[in-house]
Amino acid sequence: MTVTSSSDPAVDSADASHVDEELRRRVGRAWRAMRRGAGAVRVREYFYDSPESGSLDLALADALALICLQGPLRMGELADAMRITPASTTRAVNCLVEKGLVRRSRDDEDQRSIHVEATAEGHDRYAQISARVQSGLTLMLSEFSEDEQRQLAEYLERFVASIDKLAQSASDD
């Protein structure tokens, strides 16, 4: 196995002794296909597009889900939950407001604070997205045995944790 230096101390300090280069390439190809492959694009369109209120990108869909499930939320709470900047949160909320999916209101006790809550249309849209995602995941998982489904969930959770670890080391630079 050949491991090349990345010029990133966090990456270089990782124990790569058990990472096979060919497997790393295969995971990389799968990662790209999940993010950008033609199938991934069609699945995202199926999950998040609607003839009534148009297309939602992943960030808008995530914001809508958080607002529907946890709202009303202060803008800062939404930014923290999404792990994005306040400016990015404002842009996302502006788009959702324009689509009629959420509305803003001032906090009665603190006029500087803005709350965001889903409209009836926003709740309907979230329910539509959620139903499509759940049926899509059920279909995709049906290709695996119960043991494989459990393993896949565990591996994906660990993979996401490793992504968070890499992101944290990158932000510490």
N, C-alpha and C. Protein backbone atom coordinates (compact mmCIF):
# COMPACT_ATOMS: atom_id res chain seq x y z
N MET A 1 0.84 -1.18 0.00
CA MET A 1 0.00 0.00 0.00
C MET A 1 0.88 1.23 0.00
N THR A 2 0.52 2.20 -0.82
CA THR A 2 1.24 3.45 -0.88
C THR A 2 0.37 4.55 -0.31
N VAL A 3 0.90 5.28 0.65
CA VAL A 3 0.18 6.41 1.22
C VAL A 3 0.99 7.65 0.91
N THR A 4 0.36 8.60 0.26
CA THR A 4 1.07 9.83 -0.09
C THR A 4 0.80 10.88 0.97
N SER A 5 1.73 11.78 1.15
CA SER A 5 1.57 12.87 2.09
C SER A 5 0.56 13.86 1.53
N SER A 6 -0.30 14.36 2.40
CA SER A 6 -1.34 15.28 1.95
C SER A 6 -0.99 16.73 2.23
N SER A 7 0.09 16.98 2.93
CA SER A 7 0.47 18.30 3.43
C SER A 7 -0.54 18.82 4.44
N ASP A 8 -1.38 17.95 4.97
CA ASP A 8 -2.32 18.29 6.03
C ASP A 8 -1.97 17.45 7.24
N PRO A 9 -1.50 18.08 8.33
CA PRO A 9 -1.07 17.31 9.50
C PRO A 9 -2.17 16.42 10.06
N ALA A 10 -3.43 16.88 10.03
CA ALA A 10 -4.52 16.08 10.58
C ALA A 10 -4.70 14.80 9.77
N VAL A 11 -4.60 14.91 8.46
CA VAL A 11 -4.74 13.73 7.61
C VAL A 11 -3.50 12.85 7.74
N ASP A 12 -2.33 13.46 7.75
CA ASP A 12 -1.09 12.69 7.83
C ASP A 12 -0.96 11.96 9.16
N SER A 13 -1.58 12.49 10.23
CA SER A 13 -1.47 11.84 11.53
C SER A 13 -2.44 10.68 11.67
N ALA A 14 -3.39 10.54 10.76
CA ALA A 14 -4.34 9.43 10.81
C ALA A 14 -3.60 8.13 10.56
N ASP A 15 -4.05 7.07 11.22
CA ASP A 15 -3.43 5.76 11.04
C ASP A 15 -3.92 5.17 9.74
N ALA A 16 -3.09 5.28 8.70
CA ALA A 16 -3.46 4.79 7.38
C ALA A 16 -2.92 3.39 7.12
N SER A 17 -2.33 2.76 8.14
CA SER A 17 -1.69 1.47 7.92
C SER A 17 -2.69 0.38 7.51
N HIS A 18 -3.96 0.57 7.84
CA HIS A 18 -4.95 -0.45 7.48
C HIS A 18 -5.91 0.04 6.38
N VAL A 19 -5.54 1.09 5.67
CA VAL A 19 -6.38 1.62 4.60
C VAL A 19 -5.77 1.21 3.26
N ASP A 20 -6.44 0.30 2.58
CA ASP A 20 -5.99 -0.17 1.28
C ASP A 20 -6.26 0.90 0.23
N GLU A 21 -5.27 1.17 -0.60
CA GLU A 21 -5.39 2.24 -1.59
C GLU A 21 -6.53 1.98 -2.58
N GLU A 22 -6.68 0.75 -3.03
CA GLU A 22 -7.75 0.44 -3.98
C GLU A 22 -9.12 0.62 -3.32
N LEU A 23 -9.26 0.20 -2.07
CA LEU A 23 -10.53 0.40 -1.37
C LEU A 23 -10.82 1.88 -1.17
N ARG A 24 -9.77 2.65 -0.89
CA ARG A 24 -9.95 4.09 -0.74
C ARG A 24 -10.46 4.69 -2.05
N ARG A 25 -9.91 4.23 -3.18
CA ARG A 25 -10.39 4.71 -4.49
C ARG A 25 -11.85 4.33 -4.73
N ARG A 26 -12.20 3.09 -4.37
CA ARG A 26 -13.59 2.64 -4.56
C ARG A 26 -14.56 3.47 -3.72
N VAL A 27 -14.18 3.74 -2.48
CA VAL A 27 -15.03 4.58 -1.62
C VAL A 27 -15.12 5.98 -2.21
N GLY A 28 -14.02 6.49 -2.72
CA GLY A 28 -14.02 7.81 -3.35
C GLY A 28 -14.96 7.86 -4.55
N ARG A 29 -14.93 6.82 -5.38
CA ARG A 29 -15.84 6.78 -6.55
C ARG A 29 -17.29 6.70 -6.09
N ALA A 30 -17.55 5.89 -5.07
CA ALA A 30 -18.93 5.79 -4.55
C ALA A 30 -19.38 7.12 -3.96
N TRP A 31 -18.47 7.78 -3.25
CA TRP A 31 -18.77 9.10 -2.66
C TRP A 31 -19.16 10.09 -3.75
N ARG A 32 -18.37 10.13 -4.83
CA ARG A 32 -18.68 11.04 -5.94
C ARG A 32 -20.03 10.68 -6.58
N ALA A 33 -20.26 9.39 -6.77
CA ALA A 33 -21.52 8.97 -7.39
C ALA A 33 -22.71 9.35 -6.51
N MET A 34 -22.55 9.22 -5.20
CA MET A 34 -23.65 9.59 -4.30
C MET A 34 -23.91 11.09 -4.34
N ARG A 35 -22.85 11.88 -4.50
CA ARG A 35 -23.00 13.33 -4.51
C ARG A 35 -23.42 13.86 -5.86
N ARG A 36 -22.84 13.32 -6.95
CA ARG A 36 -23.00 13.97 -8.25
C ARG A 36 -23.44 13.07 -9.39
N GLY A 37 -23.52 11.79 -9.16
CA GLY A 37 -23.88 10.88 -10.24
C GLY A 37 -25.26 11.15 -10.78
N ALA A 38 -25.49 10.72 -12.02
CA ALA A 38 -26.79 10.96 -12.66
C ALA A 38 -27.93 10.37 -11.83
N GLY A 39 -27.70 9.19 -11.28
CA GLY A 39 -28.73 8.59 -10.43
C GLY A 39 -28.99 9.42 -9.19
N ALA A 40 -27.94 9.97 -8.59
CA ALA A 40 -28.10 10.80 -7.40
C ALA A 40 -28.88 12.06 -7.73
N VAL A 41 -28.61 12.64 -8.88
CA VAL A 41 -29.33 13.85 -9.29
C VAL A 41 -30.81 13.54 -9.45
N ARG A 42 -31.14 12.43 -10.10
CA ARG A 42 -32.55 12.07 -10.29
C ARG A 42 -33.24 11.77 -8.96
N VAL A 43 -32.53 11.12 -8.05
CA VAL A 43 -33.11 10.83 -6.73
C VAL A 43 -33.36 12.12 -5.97
N ARG A 44 -32.39 13.06 -6.00
CA ARG A 44 -32.60 14.35 -5.33
C ARG A 44 -33.80 15.07 -5.92
N GLU A 45 -33.92 15.05 -7.25
CA GLU A 45 -35.08 15.70 -7.88
C GLU A 45 -36.37 15.03 -7.43
N TYR A 46 -36.39 13.70 -7.36
CA TYR A 46 -37.58 12.98 -6.91
C TYR A 46 -37.93 13.36 -5.47
N PHE A 47 -36.93 13.42 -4.61
CA PHE A 47 -37.17 13.74 -3.21
C PHE A 47 -37.61 15.18 -3.01
N TYR A 48 -36.95 16.14 -3.67
CA TYR A 48 -37.05 17.54 -3.27
C TYR A 48 -37.75 18.48 -4.25
N ASP A 49 -38.09 18.02 -5.45
CA ASP A 49 -38.77 18.90 -6.40
C ASP A 49 -40.28 18.75 -6.29
N SER A 50 -40.98 19.85 -6.54
CA SER A 50 -42.43 19.85 -6.50
C SER A 50 -42.95 20.79 -7.57
N PRO A 51 -43.96 20.36 -8.34
CA PRO A 51 -44.53 21.25 -9.36
C PRO A 51 -45.15 22.51 -8.73
N GLU A 52 -45.65 22.40 -7.50
CA GLU A 52 -46.31 23.53 -6.86
C GLU A 52 -45.34 24.59 -6.38
N SER A 53 -44.27 24.17 -5.69
CA SER A 53 -43.37 25.18 -5.10
C SER A 53 -41.94 25.05 -5.59
N GLY A 54 -41.73 24.34 -6.67
CA GLY A 54 -40.42 24.29 -7.29
C GLY A 54 -39.43 23.37 -6.59
N SER A 55 -38.19 23.60 -6.93
CA SER A 55 -37.10 22.76 -6.45
C SER A 55 -36.54 23.28 -5.14
N LEU A 56 -36.17 22.36 -4.27
CA LEU A 56 -35.43 22.71 -3.06
C LEU A 56 -34.08 22.02 -3.15
N ASP A 57 -33.01 22.77 -2.88
CA ASP A 57 -31.72 22.10 -2.80
C ASP A 57 -31.62 21.45 -1.41
N LEU A 58 -30.55 20.72 -1.18
CA LEU A 58 -30.42 19.98 0.07
C LEU A 58 -30.44 20.90 1.29
N ALA A 59 -29.77 22.05 1.20
CA ALA A 59 -29.73 22.98 2.33
C ALA A 59 -31.13 23.50 2.67
N LEU A 60 -31.90 23.84 1.64
CA LEU A 60 -33.26 24.33 1.89
C LEU A 60 -34.14 23.23 2.46
N ALA A 61 -33.99 22.02 1.93
CA ALA A 61 -34.77 20.89 2.45
C ALA A 61 -34.41 20.62 3.91
N ASP A 62 -33.12 20.70 4.24
CA ASP A 62 -32.69 20.50 5.63
C ASP A 62 -33.25 21.59 6.53
N ALA A 63 -33.20 22.83 6.07
CA ALA A 63 -33.74 23.94 6.87
C ALA A 63 -35.24 23.75 7.09
N LEU A 64 -35.95 23.39 6.04
CA LEU A 64 -37.39 23.18 6.17
C LEU A 64 -37.69 22.05 7.16
N ALA A 65 -36.94 20.97 7.08
CA ALA A 65 -37.14 19.85 8.01
C ALA A 65 -36.93 20.29 9.45
N LEU A 66 -35.85 21.00 9.70
CA LEU A 66 -35.58 21.47 11.07
C LEU A 66 -36.68 22.39 11.56
N ILE A 67 -37.12 23.30 10.72
CA ILE A 67 -38.16 24.26 11.11
C ILE A 67 -39.47 23.51 11.39
N CYS A 68 -39.82 22.54 10.55
CA CYS A 68 -41.05 21.78 10.76
C CYS A 68 -40.98 20.91 12.02
N LEU A 69 -39.84 20.29 12.24
CA LEU A 69 -39.71 19.36 13.36
C LEU A 69 -39.44 20.04 14.70
N GLN A 70 -38.75 21.17 14.68
CA GLN A 70 -38.33 21.81 15.93
C GLN A 70 -38.85 23.23 16.11
N GLY A 71 -39.51 23.75 15.09
CA GLY A 71 -39.89 25.16 15.09
C GLY A 71 -41.04 25.48 16.00
N PRO A 72 -41.32 26.78 16.15
CA PRO A 72 -40.56 27.86 15.57
C PRO A 72 -39.16 27.96 16.19
N LEU A 73 -38.23 28.41 15.37
CA LEU A 73 -36.83 28.54 15.78
C LEU A 73 -36.36 29.97 15.60
N ARG A 74 -35.48 30.40 16.47
CA ARG A 74 -34.78 31.67 16.24
C ARG A 74 -33.78 31.43 15.12
N MET A 75 -33.45 32.47 14.40
CA MET A 75 -32.50 32.35 13.29
C MET A 75 -31.17 31.77 13.77
N GLY A 76 -30.69 32.21 14.92
CA GLY A 76 -29.43 31.69 15.47
C GLY A 76 -29.51 30.21 15.79
N GLU A 77 -30.66 29.76 16.31
CA GLU A 77 -30.85 28.34 16.60
C GLU A 77 -30.81 27.52 15.32
N LEU A 78 -31.45 28.05 14.28
CA LEU A 78 -31.44 27.35 12.99
C LEU A 78 -30.02 27.27 12.43
N ALA A 79 -29.28 28.37 12.51
CA ALA A 79 -27.89 28.39 12.03
C ALA A 79 -27.06 27.35 12.78
N ASP A 80 -27.21 27.31 14.10
CA ASP A 80 -26.45 26.34 14.90
C ASP A 80 -26.84 24.91 14.54
N ALA A 81 -28.12 24.66 14.39
CA ALA A 81 -28.58 23.30 14.08
C ALA A 81 -28.09 22.84 12.71
N MET A 82 -27.99 23.79 11.77
CA MET A 82 -27.54 23.44 10.42
C MET A 82 -26.02 23.51 10.27
N ARG A 83 -25.35 24.06 11.30
CA ARG A 83 -23.89 24.24 11.26
C ARG A 83 -23.47 25.14 10.11
N ILE A 84 -24.21 26.24 9.96
CA ILE A 84 -23.89 27.22 8.91
C ILE A 84 -23.84 28.61 9.51
N THR A 85 -23.36 29.56 8.74
CA THR A 85 -23.25 30.94 9.22
C THR A 85 -24.62 31.61 9.27
N PRO A 86 -24.74 32.65 10.08
CA PRO A 86 -26.00 33.42 10.09
C PRO A 86 -26.37 33.96 8.70
N ALA A 87 -25.38 34.40 7.94
CA ALA A 87 -25.67 34.92 6.59
C ALA A 87 -26.25 33.82 5.70
N SER A 88 -25.70 32.62 5.77
CA SER A 88 -26.23 31.50 4.98
C SER A 88 -27.64 31.14 5.44
N THR A 89 -27.86 31.23 6.74
CA THR A 89 -29.20 30.95 7.28
C THR A 89 -30.20 31.96 6.75
N THR A 90 -29.82 33.22 6.73
CA THR A 90 -30.69 34.27 6.21
C THR A 90 -31.04 34.00 4.75
N ARG A 91 -30.05 33.63 3.94
CA ARG A 91 -30.31 33.34 2.52
C ARG A 91 -31.27 32.16 2.39
N ALA A 92 -31.06 31.10 3.18
CA ALA A 92 -31.94 29.93 3.11
C ALA A 92 -33.36 30.30 3.50
N VAL A 93 -33.49 31.03 4.59
CA VAL A 93 -34.83 31.43 5.05
C VAL A 93 -35.49 32.35 4.03
N ASN A 94 -34.73 33.27 3.44
CA ASN A 94 -35.30 34.14 2.39
C ASN A 94 -35.90 33.30 1.27
N CYS A 95 -35.18 32.28 0.82
CA CYS A 95 -35.69 31.41 -0.26
C CYS A 95 -36.95 30.69 0.17
N LEU A 96 -36.96 30.18 1.40
CA LEU A 96 -38.14 29.46 1.89
C LEU A 96 -39.33 30.39 2.06
N VAL A 97 -39.08 31.63 2.47
CA VAL A 97 -40.15 32.62 2.58
C VAL A 97 -40.72 32.91 1.20
N GLU A 98 -39.83 33.13 0.21
CA GLU A 98 -40.27 33.41 -1.16
C GLU A 98 -41.12 32.28 -1.73
N LYS A 99 -40.85 31.05 -1.32
CA LYS A 99 -41.61 29.90 -1.81
C LYS A 99 -42.88 29.68 -0.99
N GLY A 100 -43.07 30.50 0.05
CA GLY A 100 -44.27 30.38 0.88
C GLY A 100 -44.23 29.22 1.86
N LEU A 101 -43.03 28.69 2.14
CA LEU A 101 -42.91 27.51 3.00
C LEU A 101 -42.68 27.85 4.47
N VAL A 102 -42.13 29.04 4.73
CA VAL A 102 -41.93 29.49 6.12
C VAL A 102 -42.29 30.97 6.20
N ARG A 103 -42.46 31.44 7.44
CA ARG A 103 -42.67 32.86 7.68
C ARG A 103 -41.82 33.28 8.88
N ARG A 104 -41.45 34.55 8.86
CA ARG A 104 -40.69 35.14 9.96
C ARG A 104 -41.64 35.92 10.86
N SER A 105 -41.27 36.00 12.13
CA SER A 105 -42.01 36.87 13.06
C SER A 105 -41.04 37.34 14.13
N ARG A 106 -41.32 38.51 14.68
CA ARG A 106 -40.50 39.05 15.76
C ARG A 106 -40.90 38.41 17.08
N ASP A 107 -39.92 38.20 17.92
CA ASP A 107 -40.16 37.69 19.27
C ASP A 107 -40.88 38.79 20.06
N ASP A 108 -41.99 38.44 20.70
CA ASP A 108 -42.76 39.42 21.47
C ASP A 108 -41.95 40.01 22.62
N GLU A 109 -41.06 39.22 23.20
CA GLU A 109 -40.29 39.68 24.36
C GLU A 109 -38.97 40.33 23.97
N ASP A 110 -38.43 39.97 22.81
CA ASP A 110 -37.15 40.53 22.36
C ASP A 110 -37.30 40.88 20.88
N GLN A 111 -37.61 42.13 20.60
CA GLN A 111 -37.89 42.56 19.23
C GLN A 111 -36.70 42.41 18.29
N ARG A 112 -35.49 42.23 18.83
CA ARG A 112 -34.32 42.01 17.97
C ARG A 112 -34.28 40.58 17.43
N SER A 113 -34.98 39.70 18.08
CA SER A 113 -34.94 38.28 17.73
C SER A 113 -36.04 37.93 16.73
N ILE A 114 -35.64 37.16 15.71
CA ILE A 114 -36.57 36.73 14.67
C ILE A 114 -36.83 35.23 14.82
N HIS A 115 -38.09 34.87 14.81
CA HIS A 115 -38.47 33.46 14.81
C HIS A 115 -38.87 33.06 13.39
N VAL A 116 -38.61 31.82 13.06
CA VAL A 116 -39.01 31.27 11.77
C VAL A 116 -39.89 30.06 12.05
N GLU A 117 -41.04 30.01 11.38
CA GLU A 117 -41.92 28.86 11.54
C GLU A 117 -42.48 28.47 10.18
N ALA A 118 -42.84 27.20 10.07
CA ALA A 118 -43.36 26.68 8.81
C ALA A 118 -44.80 27.14 8.62
N THR A 119 -45.13 27.41 7.37
CA THR A 119 -46.52 27.68 7.00
C THR A 119 -47.22 26.32 6.79
N ALA A 120 -48.52 26.35 6.57
CA ALA A 120 -49.23 25.12 6.28
C ALA A 120 -48.65 24.46 5.03
N GLU A 121 -48.34 25.30 4.02
CA GLU A 121 -47.73 24.77 2.79
C GLU A 121 -46.36 24.16 3.09
N GLY A 122 -45.61 24.78 4.01
CA GLY A 122 -44.31 24.25 4.39
C GLY A 122 -44.43 22.89 5.06
N HIS A 123 -45.40 22.76 5.95
CA HIS A 123 -45.63 21.47 6.61
C HIS A 123 -46.04 20.41 5.59
N ASP A 124 -46.90 20.80 4.64
CA ASP A 124 -47.30 19.85 3.59
C ASP A 124 -46.11 19.43 2.75
N ARG A 125 -45.29 20.40 2.39
CA ARG A 125 -44.11 20.09 1.56
C ARG A 125 -43.14 19.19 2.32
N TYR A 126 -42.92 19.48 3.61
CA TYR A 126 -42.05 18.61 4.41
C TYR A 126 -42.63 17.20 4.47
N ALA A 127 -43.92 17.06 4.66
CA ALA A 127 -44.54 15.74 4.72
C ALA A 127 -44.34 14.99 3.40
N GLN A 128 -44.47 15.70 2.28
CA GLN A 128 -44.25 15.10 0.97
C GLN A 128 -42.80 14.62 0.83
N ILE A 129 -41.86 15.48 1.19
CA ILE A 129 -40.44 15.12 1.10
C ILE A 129 -40.15 13.94 2.01
N SER A 130 -40.62 14.00 3.24
CA SER A 130 -40.37 12.94 4.20
C SER A 130 -40.90 11.59 3.71
N ALA A 131 -42.11 11.61 3.16
CA ALA A 131 -42.70 10.36 2.66
C ALA A 131 -41.87 9.80 1.50
N ARG A 132 -41.44 10.68 0.60
CA ARG A 132 -40.62 10.22 -0.53
C ARG A 132 -39.28 9.68 -0.06
N VAL A 133 -38.64 10.38 0.87
CA VAL A 133 -37.34 9.93 1.38
C VAL A 133 -37.50 8.58 2.09
N GLN A 134 -38.52 8.45 2.92
CA GLN A 134 -38.72 7.19 3.64
C GLN A 134 -39.00 6.03 2.68
N SER A 135 -39.83 6.26 1.66
CA SER A 135 -40.10 5.17 0.71
C SER A 135 -38.85 4.87 -0.12
N GLY A 136 -38.08 5.91 -0.46
CA GLY A 136 -36.84 5.69 -1.21
C GLY A 136 -35.83 4.91 -0.40
N LEU A 137 -35.68 5.27 0.87
CA LEU A 137 -34.74 4.54 1.73
C LEU A 137 -35.19 3.09 1.92
N THR A 138 -36.49 2.89 2.06
CA THR A 138 -37.01 1.52 2.20
C THR A 138 -36.67 0.71 0.96
N LEU A 139 -36.88 1.29 -0.21
CA LEU A 139 -36.56 0.60 -1.45
C LEU A 139 -35.06 0.29 -1.54
N MET A 140 -34.22 1.28 -1.24
CA MET A 140 -32.78 1.06 -1.31
C MET A 140 -32.32 0.02 -0.30
N LEU A 141 -32.83 0.07 0.92
CA LEU A 141 -32.41 -0.87 1.95
C LEU A 141 -32.92 -2.28 1.69
N SER A 142 -34.00 -2.41 0.92
CA SER A 142 -34.54 -3.74 0.64
C SER A 142 -33.57 -4.60 -0.16
N GLU A 143 -32.53 -3.98 -0.73
CA GLU A 143 -31.50 -4.71 -1.47
C GLU A 143 -30.54 -5.44 -0.53
N PHE A 144 -30.63 -5.17 0.78
CA PHE A 144 -29.71 -5.71 1.77
C PHE A 144 -30.47 -6.59 2.76
N SER A 145 -29.78 -7.59 3.31
CA SER A 145 -30.36 -8.40 4.38
C SER A 145 -30.47 -7.54 5.63
N GLU A 146 -31.20 -8.03 6.64
CA GLU A 146 -31.34 -7.26 7.88
C GLU A 146 -29.99 -7.01 8.52
N ASP A 147 -29.13 -8.03 8.55
CA ASP A 147 -27.78 -7.84 9.12
C ASP A 147 -26.99 -6.81 8.32
N GLU A 148 -27.08 -6.87 7.00
CA GLU A 148 -26.37 -5.90 6.16
C GLU A 148 -26.91 -4.48 6.37
N GLN A 149 -28.24 -4.36 6.55
CA GLN A 149 -28.83 -3.05 6.82
C GLN A 149 -28.27 -2.47 8.11
N ARG A 150 -28.19 -3.30 9.16
CA ARG A 150 -27.64 -2.86 10.44
C ARG A 150 -26.17 -2.46 10.29
N GLN A 151 -25.41 -3.28 9.57
CA GLN A 151 -23.99 -2.96 9.34
C GLN A 151 -23.85 -1.67 8.54
N LEU A 152 -24.65 -1.52 7.51
CA LEU A 152 -24.59 -0.31 6.69
C LEU A 152 -24.86 0.93 7.54
N ALA A 153 -25.89 0.85 8.38
CA ALA A 153 -26.21 1.99 9.26
C ALA A 153 -25.03 2.30 10.18
N GLU A 154 -24.44 1.27 10.76
CA GLU A 154 -23.29 1.49 11.65
C GLU A 154 -22.11 2.08 10.89
N TYR A 155 -21.83 1.56 9.71
CA TYR A 155 -20.71 2.07 8.91
C TYR A 155 -20.95 3.52 8.47
N LEU A 156 -22.17 3.82 8.04
CA LEU A 156 -22.46 5.19 7.62
C LEU A 156 -22.36 6.16 8.79
N GLU A 157 -22.84 5.74 9.98
CA GLU A 157 -22.72 6.60 11.16
C GLU A 157 -21.25 6.87 11.48
N ARG A 158 -20.42 5.83 11.40
CA ARG A 158 -18.99 6.01 11.65
C ARG A 158 -18.36 6.87 10.57
N PHE A 159 -18.79 6.70 9.33
CA PHE A 159 -18.25 7.50 8.21
C PHE A 159 -18.59 8.97 8.41
N VAL A 160 -19.83 9.25 8.80
CA VAL A 160 -20.23 10.63 9.06
C VAL A 160 -19.42 11.21 10.22
N ALA A 161 -19.18 10.42 11.26
CA ALA A 161 -18.36 10.89 12.38
C ALA A 161 -16.95 11.21 11.92
N SER A 162 -16.42 10.40 11.00
CA SER A 162 -15.07 10.67 10.50
C SER A 162 -15.05 11.93 9.62
N ILE A 163 -16.14 12.18 8.90
CA ILE A 163 -16.25 13.42 8.12
C ILE A 163 -16.27 14.61 9.07
N ASP A 164 -17.06 14.50 10.15
CA ASP A 164 -17.10 15.58 11.14
C ASP A 164 -15.73 15.81 11.76
N LYS A 165 -15.00 14.74 12.02
CA LYS A 165 -13.65 14.85 12.60
C LYS A 165 -12.73 15.58 11.62
N LEU A 166 -12.78 15.22 10.35
CA LEU A 166 -11.97 15.89 9.34
C LEU A 166 -12.35 17.36 9.22
N ALA A 167 -13.66 17.64 9.22
CA ALA A 167 -14.13 19.02 9.13
C ALA A 167 -13.65 19.84 10.33
N GLN A 168 -13.69 19.24 11.50
CA GLN A 168 -13.22 19.94 12.70
C GLN A 168 -11.72 20.23 12.61
N SER A 169 -10.95 19.25 12.15
CA SER A 169 -9.50 19.49 12.04
C SER A 169 -9.20 20.56 10.99
N ALA A 170 -10.01 20.61 9.93
CA ALA A 170 -9.83 21.62 8.91
C ALA A 170 -10.17 23.01 9.45
N SER A 171 -11.17 23.10 10.30
CA SER A 171 -11.55 24.41 10.86
C SER A 171 -10.60 24.86 11.95
N ASP A 172 -9.83 23.93 12.53
CA ASP A 172 -8.85 24.29 13.56
C ASP A 172 -7.60 24.92 12.96
N ASP A 173 -7.42 24.78 11.64
CA ASP A 173 -6.22 25.32 11.00
C ASP A 173 -6.19 26.82 10.99
